[in-house]
Amino acid sequence: MSVSGVSASLTGSFTGGRATLRGTSGAAQANIAAAADRLARANTAVASGQKIQRPSDDVVGADRALELRRALAAEDRYSNANGDAISWLGTTDTALQRGVSLLHTARDLAVQAGSDANSSIGREAIAKQIRTLRDDMLATANTTYLGRPVFGGTTGEPVAFSVDGTGAVTPSPGAAGQVQRTLAPGVDVRVDTAGTAAFGDGDASVFAILDDLATAVTTGSAASSAMLGELDGALGRLTTSLADVGTRYSRVQSLQVTGTQRELSLTSAKQDVEEVDLAKALMELAAQDKAYQAALGAAAKVVTPSIMDFLR
C-alpha cells in the first residue's frame, strides 16, 4: 500500500472513531444527567419529607392533596367556631345558674317576710335585700362574652336590658335576633339565649317581680306570701332556659368530638398523599446514588479512548 493510501486509511479511522466517540459520549452524558436528576429527586424527598415536589410529579396526588388542604382549612374554621360556641354557652350557663341562685334567695326572703313575727324595721331590711338582689339580677342578665351581651341576641347595644326613665327594665333593640355558629357542614347551632325567655318581659319580668316583692314585703306578711307564685313562675323560666343551654352545650361538645375525629382522619389522609415513608425514601436514595456512581463509571470508560481504539 502506498503512503498516501495508508494516510487515507488512518484519516478515515480517526474520523469514524471521532463520530463513534461523540455518539457514545452523548449517550453517557444523557445517562449521567438522568441518573443525577433521579438522585436529586430522591435526596429532596428525604430532605423535605414530601413525595410531591411539583404538580407534574403526581397530578392525581397533587389534586388530592389540594382537596385535603381545603377540607382541613374548613375544619379549622369549624373548630374555631366550636370553641367560640362552647365559651358563649358556658358563659350563659354560669349566668343562668347565678340567676337561679338569686331567685332562690329572693324566695327564701319572701317566705321569711311572710311571718307575722317581722317588725316594720325587719320587713324594710328584707325589702332592701330584695332590691339588691334585683340589681344583681340585672347585672346577671347583662352578662357579656367578648363584649357582647349573651342574652342580647343581635343587639348592637352593650347590654341586653336597659333601665328607662321610669326605672323599668326593658330589652335592648335587636335583642330578639339569634346568634348562630356553623359547627359542621350544614349544621348551625344557636349560641345566644333570648333574654325575654329567661328573664321575662314587662310586668312579668323577673325584675318587675322583684320590685313588686320588695314593695309587698313592706306592706305585710300576706302580700309577701302572695308573691311566691310569681317567683316560682320566674324561677321556672330561668330553669327552662338553663336546661335548654345545657342541651345545646352537650350538642356542641358532641360536634367538637366529631370534628376532631374528622380532622384527624383528613390529616392522616393528607400525610399518606404528601409525606414520604422515610425508610423507603432512604433506600431509594441509596439506590439512586449507586446508579449515579455507576453512570459516572461507565462514562469514564467511553470518554477516554486510546489511539488503538480508533484503529480497531
Protein backbone atom coordinates (compact mmCIF):
# COMPACT_ATOMS: atom_id res chain seq x y z
CA MET A 1 0.00 0.00 0.00
CA SER A 2 1.29 3.46 -0.82
CA VAL A 3 1.99 6.12 1.77
CA SER A 4 -0.98 8.11 0.56
CA GLY A 5 -3.21 5.04 0.97
CA VAL A 6 -2.05 4.44 4.49
CA SER A 7 -2.63 8.12 5.29
CA ALA A 8 -6.14 7.99 3.89
CA SER A 9 -6.88 4.83 5.85
CA LEU A 10 -5.69 6.40 9.12
CA THR A 11 -7.68 9.57 8.41
CA GLY A 12 -10.83 7.53 7.85
CA SER A 13 -10.26 5.56 11.01
CA PHE A 14 -9.82 8.71 13.11
CA THR A 15 -12.87 10.34 11.52
CA GLY A 16 -15.05 7.30 12.15
CA GLY A 17 -13.65 6.94 15.66
CA ARG A 18 -14.48 10.55 16.48
CA ALA A 19 -18.04 10.08 15.25
CA THR A 20 -18.44 6.93 17.28
CA LEU A 21 -16.91 8.63 20.34
CA ARG A 22 -19.26 11.59 20.05
CA GLY A 23 -22.28 9.33 19.92
CA THR A 24 -21.10 7.19 22.82
CA SER A 25 -20.13 10.27 24.84
CA GLY A 26 -23.51 11.87 24.23
CA ALA A 27 -25.33 8.76 25.41
CA ALA A 28 -23.12 8.59 28.50
CA GLN A 29 -23.80 12.23 29.33
CA ALA A 30 -27.53 11.65 28.92
CA ASN A 31 -27.35 8.68 31.28
CA ILE A 32 -25.42 10.75 33.82
CA ALA A 33 -27.94 13.60 33.60
CA ALA A 34 -30.88 11.22 34.07
CA ALA A 35 -29.20 9.49 37.00
CA ALA A 36 -28.32 12.85 38.56
CA ASP A 37 -31.94 14.01 38.22
CA ARG A 38 -33.24 10.83 39.91
CA LEU A 39 -30.64 11.20 42.66
CA ALA A 40 -31.60 14.85 43.20
CA ARG A 41 -35.30 13.92 43.47
CA ALA A 42 -34.55 11.16 45.97
CA ASN A 43 -32.36 13.49 48.01
CA THR A 44 -35.01 16.23 48.01
CA ALA A 45 -37.68 13.73 49.08
CA VAL A 46 -35.57 12.68 52.09
CA ALA A 47 -34.67 16.27 52.99
CA SER A 48 -38.19 17.70 52.67
CA GLY A 49 -40.18 14.62 53.64
CA GLN A 50 -42.58 15.36 50.77
CA LYS A 51 -43.50 12.99 47.96
CA ILE A 52 -44.70 15.68 45.59
CA GLN A 53 -42.16 18.43 44.82
CA ARG A 54 -44.13 19.83 41.89
CA PRO A 55 -47.60 19.00 40.45
CA SER A 56 -46.08 17.20 37.45
CA ASP A 57 -44.60 14.61 39.81
CA ASP A 58 -48.09 13.25 40.56
CA VAL A 59 -51.02 15.13 39.04
CA VAL A 60 -53.67 13.00 40.74
CA GLY A 61 -51.86 13.15 44.08
CA ALA A 62 -51.41 16.93 43.80
CA ASP A 63 -55.16 17.40 43.18
CA ARG A 64 -55.99 15.12 46.09
CA ALA A 65 -53.58 16.97 48.38
CA LEU A 66 -55.19 20.30 47.41
CA GLU A 67 -58.67 18.96 48.21
CA LEU A 68 -57.48 17.68 51.58
CA ARG A 69 -55.87 21.02 52.40
CA ARG A 70 -59.13 22.80 51.63
CA ALA A 71 -61.07 20.35 53.80
CA LEU A 72 -58.62 20.84 56.67
CA ALA A 73 -58.92 24.63 56.35
CA ALA A 74 -62.71 24.27 56.64
CA GLU A 75 -62.31 22.02 59.68
CA ASP A 76 -60.10 24.67 61.26
CA ARG A 77 -62.87 27.24 60.81
CA TYR A 78 -65.40 24.83 62.31
CA SER A 79 -63.05 24.18 65.23
CA ASN A 80 -62.70 27.91 65.93
CA ALA A 81 -66.48 28.38 65.74
CA ASN A 82 -66.95 25.40 68.04
CA GLY A 83 -64.60 26.85 70.63
CA ASP A 84 -66.47 30.15 70.44
CA ALA A 85 -69.81 28.38 70.88
CA ILE A 86 -68.52 26.43 73.89
CA SER A 87 -67.32 29.63 75.55
CA TRP A 88 -70.52 31.55 74.75
CA LEU A 89 -72.80 28.80 76.06
CA GLY A 90 -70.56 28.24 79.08
CA THR A 91 -70.80 31.92 79.96
CA THR A 92 -74.59 31.80 79.55
CA ASP A 93 -74.85 28.67 81.70
CA THR A 94 -72.92 30.33 84.51
CA ALA A 95 -75.10 33.45 84.32
CA LEU A 96 -78.34 31.45 84.41
CA GLN A 97 -77.16 29.43 87.39
CA ARG A 98 -76.39 32.72 89.10
CA GLY A 99 -79.90 33.95 88.26
CA VAL A 100 -81.50 30.79 89.66
CA SER A 101 -79.47 31.18 92.86
CA LEU A 102 -80.57 34.81 93.23
CA LEU A 103 -84.24 33.85 92.82
CA HIS A 104 -83.95 31.08 95.38
CA THR A 105 -82.54 33.63 97.81
CA ALA A 106 -85.39 36.03 96.98
CA ARG A 107 -87.94 33.27 97.56
CA ASP A 108 -86.41 32.44 100.94
CA LEU A 109 -86.67 36.12 101.86
CA ALA A 110 -90.30 36.18 100.72
CA VAL A 111 -91.07 33.22 102.97
CA GLN A 112 -89.24 34.91 105.82
CA ALA A 113 -91.18 38.13 105.24
CA GLY A 114 -94.43 36.13 105.27
CA SER A 115 -94.03 35.53 109.01
CA ASP A 116 -96.04 37.81 111.26
CA ALA A 117 -93.07 37.95 113.62
CA ASN A 118 -91.30 40.56 111.47
CA SER A 119 -91.43 44.16 112.59
CA SER A 120 -91.70 47.01 110.15
CA ILE A 121 -87.96 47.61 110.53
CA GLY A 122 -87.27 43.95 109.85
CA ARG A 123 -89.50 43.96 106.78
CA GLU A 124 -87.74 47.06 105.46
CA ALA A 125 -84.37 45.35 105.87
CA ILE A 126 -85.66 42.36 103.91
CA ALA A 127 -87.03 44.66 101.22
CA LYS A 128 -83.61 46.28 100.93
CA GLN A 129 -82.00 42.88 100.43
CA ILE A 130 -84.53 42.08 97.69
CA ARG A 131 -83.79 45.35 95.88
CA THR A 132 -80.10 44.43 95.98
CA LEU A 133 -80.99 41.04 94.51
CA ARG A 134 -82.91 42.83 91.75
CA ASP A 135 -79.80 44.89 90.89
CA ASP A 136 -77.68 41.74 90.91
CA MET A 137 -80.22 40.04 88.64
CA LEU A 138 -79.99 42.94 86.17
CA ALA A 139 -76.20 42.68 86.15
CA THR A 140 -76.54 38.93 85.57
CA ALA A 141 -78.96 39.49 82.69
CA ASN A 142 -76.39 41.84 81.13
CA THR A 143 -73.56 39.28 81.27
CA THR A 144 -71.26 39.64 78.26
CA TYR A 145 -68.90 37.42 76.30
CA LEU A 146 -66.15 39.22 74.37
CA GLY A 147 -68.04 42.45 74.82
CA ARG A 148 -71.39 41.11 73.56
CA PRO A 149 -74.39 40.55 75.87
CA VAL A 150 -75.15 36.81 75.87
CA PHE A 151 -78.86 37.50 76.37
CA GLY A 152 -78.92 40.35 73.85
CA GLY A 153 -79.36 38.47 70.59
CA THR A 154 -78.09 40.58 67.70
CA THR A 155 -78.35 43.87 69.53
CA GLY A 156 -75.67 46.41 68.89
CA GLU A 157 -76.04 47.74 72.41
CA PRO A 158 -73.52 46.88 75.16
CA VAL A 159 -76.34 45.50 77.36
CA ALA A 160 -79.27 43.15 76.84
CA PHE A 161 -81.52 45.09 79.23
CA SER A 162 -81.57 48.78 79.99
CA VAL A 163 -83.40 50.90 82.56
CA ASP A 164 -85.73 53.55 81.16
CA GLY A 165 -86.64 56.87 82.70
CA THR A 166 -89.31 55.31 84.89
CA GLY A 167 -86.90 52.75 86.30
CA ALA A 168 -88.43 49.90 84.33
CA VAL A 169 -86.12 47.33 82.75
CA THR A 170 -86.61 46.86 79.01
CA PRO A 171 -84.86 44.68 76.39
CA SER A 172 -82.40 46.49 74.14
CA PRO A 173 -83.24 46.90 70.43
CA GLY A 174 -82.25 43.89 68.37
CA ALA A 175 -82.38 41.55 71.33
CA ALA A 176 -84.87 39.31 69.52
CA GLY A 177 -82.33 38.29 66.88
CA GLN A 178 -80.47 34.99 67.10
CA VAL A 179 -76.71 34.41 67.15
CA GLN A 180 -75.67 31.17 65.47
CA ARG A 181 -72.41 29.40 64.72
CA THR A 182 -71.75 26.95 61.87
CA LEU A 183 -70.06 23.99 63.57
CA ALA A 184 -70.07 21.40 60.77
CA PRO A 185 -71.17 21.21 57.13
CA GLY A 186 -74.84 22.22 57.15
CA VAL A 187 -75.01 22.35 60.97
CA ASP A 188 -75.83 25.66 62.66
CA VAL A 189 -76.30 25.95 66.43
CA ARG A 190 -77.74 28.90 68.29
CA VAL A 191 -75.34 30.15 70.96
CA ASP A 192 -77.25 33.06 72.47
CA THR A 193 -80.32 32.83 74.71
CA ALA A 194 -83.35 35.06 74.41
CA GLY A 195 -83.28 37.45 77.33
CA THR A 196 -87.07 37.74 77.49
CA ALA A 197 -87.43 33.93 77.54
CA ALA A 198 -85.07 33.65 80.52
CA PHE A 199 -85.90 36.79 82.47
CA GLY A 200 -89.37 37.64 81.18
CA ASP A 201 -90.66 40.93 79.80
CA GLY A 202 -92.73 43.85 81.00
CA ASP A 203 -94.72 43.34 84.19
CA ALA A 204 -93.94 39.61 84.07
CA SER A 205 -90.19 40.10 84.06
CA VAL A 206 -88.13 38.90 86.99
CA PHE A 207 -87.08 42.50 87.58
CA ALA A 208 -90.67 43.71 87.91
CA ILE A 209 -91.48 40.72 90.12
CA LEU A 210 -88.60 41.52 92.47
CA ASP A 211 -89.65 45.19 92.55
CA ASP A 212 -93.18 44.13 93.43
CA LEU A 213 -91.86 41.71 96.05
CA ALA A 214 -89.84 44.45 97.73
CA THR A 215 -92.98 46.59 97.89
CA ALA A 216 -95.10 43.68 99.13
CA VAL A 217 -92.62 42.89 101.91
CA THR A 218 -93.01 46.38 103.37
CA THR A 219 -96.80 46.06 103.13
CA GLY A 220 -97.21 42.93 105.24
CA SER A 221 -96.89 39.18 105.50
CA ALA A 222 -99.94 38.38 103.38
CA ALA A 223 -98.68 40.41 100.43
CA SER A 224 -95.27 38.72 100.66
CA SER A 225 -96.80 35.24 100.63
CA ALA A 226 -98.94 36.15 97.62
CA MET A 227 -95.77 36.78 95.56
CA LEU A 228 -94.49 33.21 95.91
CA GLY A 229 -96.45 32.02 92.87
CA GLU A 230 -94.93 34.72 90.66
CA LEU A 231 -91.47 33.94 91.99
CA ASP A 232 -91.97 30.27 91.15
CA GLY A 233 -93.04 31.21 87.63
CA ALA A 234 -89.90 33.33 87.15
CA LEU A 235 -87.79 30.52 88.57
CA GLY A 236 -89.39 28.10 86.11
CA ARG A 237 -88.45 30.31 83.15
CA LEU A 238 -84.84 30.52 84.28
CA THR A 239 -84.51 26.77 84.87
CA THR A 240 -86.09 26.03 81.49
CA SER A 241 -83.59 28.32 79.79
CA LEU A 242 -80.80 26.70 81.80
CA ALA A 243 -81.87 23.24 80.63
CA ASP A 244 -82.02 24.45 77.02
CA VAL A 245 -78.49 25.86 77.25
CA GLY A 246 -77.30 22.58 78.75
CA THR A 247 -78.80 20.65 75.83
CA ARG A 248 -77.13 22.88 73.27
CA TYR A 249 -73.85 22.75 75.18
CA SER A 250 -73.90 18.95 75.05
CA ARG A 251 -74.61 19.02 71.33
CA VAL A 252 -71.72 21.39 70.70
CA GLN A 253 -69.40 19.15 72.70
CA SER A 254 -70.51 16.16 70.62
CA LEU A 255 -69.90 18.10 67.40
CA GLN A 256 -66.50 19.11 68.74
CA VAL A 257 -65.52 15.46 69.26
CA THR A 258 -66.79 14.50 65.80
CA GLY A 259 -64.94 17.43 64.26
CA THR A 260 -61.70 16.41 65.95
CA GLN A 261 -62.06 12.88 64.63
CA ARG A 262 -62.80 14.20 61.15
CA GLU A 263 -59.75 16.47 61.30
CA LEU A 264 -57.50 13.59 62.39
CA SER A 265 -58.78 11.46 59.51
CA LEU A 266 -58.14 14.23 56.98
CA THR A 267 -54.68 14.88 58.40
CA SER A 268 -53.82 11.18 58.11
CA ALA A 269 -55.06 11.08 54.52
CA LYS A 270 -53.05 14.20 53.68
CA GLN A 271 -49.91 12.65 55.16
CA ASP A 272 -50.43 9.49 53.09
CA VAL A 273 -50.66 11.58 49.92
CA GLU A 274 -47.90 14.09 50.60
CA GLU A 275 -45.37 12.66 53.03
CA VAL A 276 -42.74 10.06 52.21
CA ASP A 277 -42.04 6.81 54.04
CA LEU A 278 -38.62 7.76 55.41
CA ALA A 279 -37.27 4.19 55.43
CA LYS A 280 -38.28 3.63 51.81
CA ALA A 281 -37.04 7.08 50.84
CA LEU A 282 -33.59 6.37 52.33
CA MET A 283 -33.40 3.05 50.47
CA GLU A 284 -34.36 4.81 47.24
CA LEU A 285 -31.72 7.48 47.86
CA ALA A 286 -29.03 4.80 48.34
CA ALA A 287 -30.14 3.01 45.17
CA GLN A 288 -30.11 6.20 43.10
CA ASP A 289 -26.69 7.12 44.47
CA LYS A 290 -25.34 3.74 43.32
CA ALA A 291 -26.96 4.20 39.93
CA TYR A 292 -25.38 7.62 39.60
CA GLN A 293 -21.94 6.32 40.53
CA ALA A 294 -22.38 3.50 38.01
CA ALA A 295 -23.28 6.01 35.29
CA LEU A 296 -20.17 8.02 36.09
CA GLY A 297 -18.01 4.89 35.95
CA ALA A 298 -19.45 3.82 32.61
CA ALA A 299 -18.91 7.29 31.17
CA ALA A 300 -15.29 7.32 32.29
CA LYS A 301 -14.61 4.25 30.16
CA VAL A 302 -16.04 5.65 26.95
CA VAL A 303 -14.76 9.24 27.06
CA THR A 304 -11.03 8.30 27.44
CA PRO A 305 -10.28 6.02 24.46
CA SER A 306 -6.69 5.27 23.41
CA ILE A 307 -5.32 5.66 19.86
CA MET A 308 -5.68 1.93 19.45
CA ASP A 309 -9.46 2.29 19.98
CA PHE A 310 -9.59 4.50 16.88
CA LEU A 311 -7.53 1.94 14.84
CA ARG A 312 -9.72 -1.04 15.61
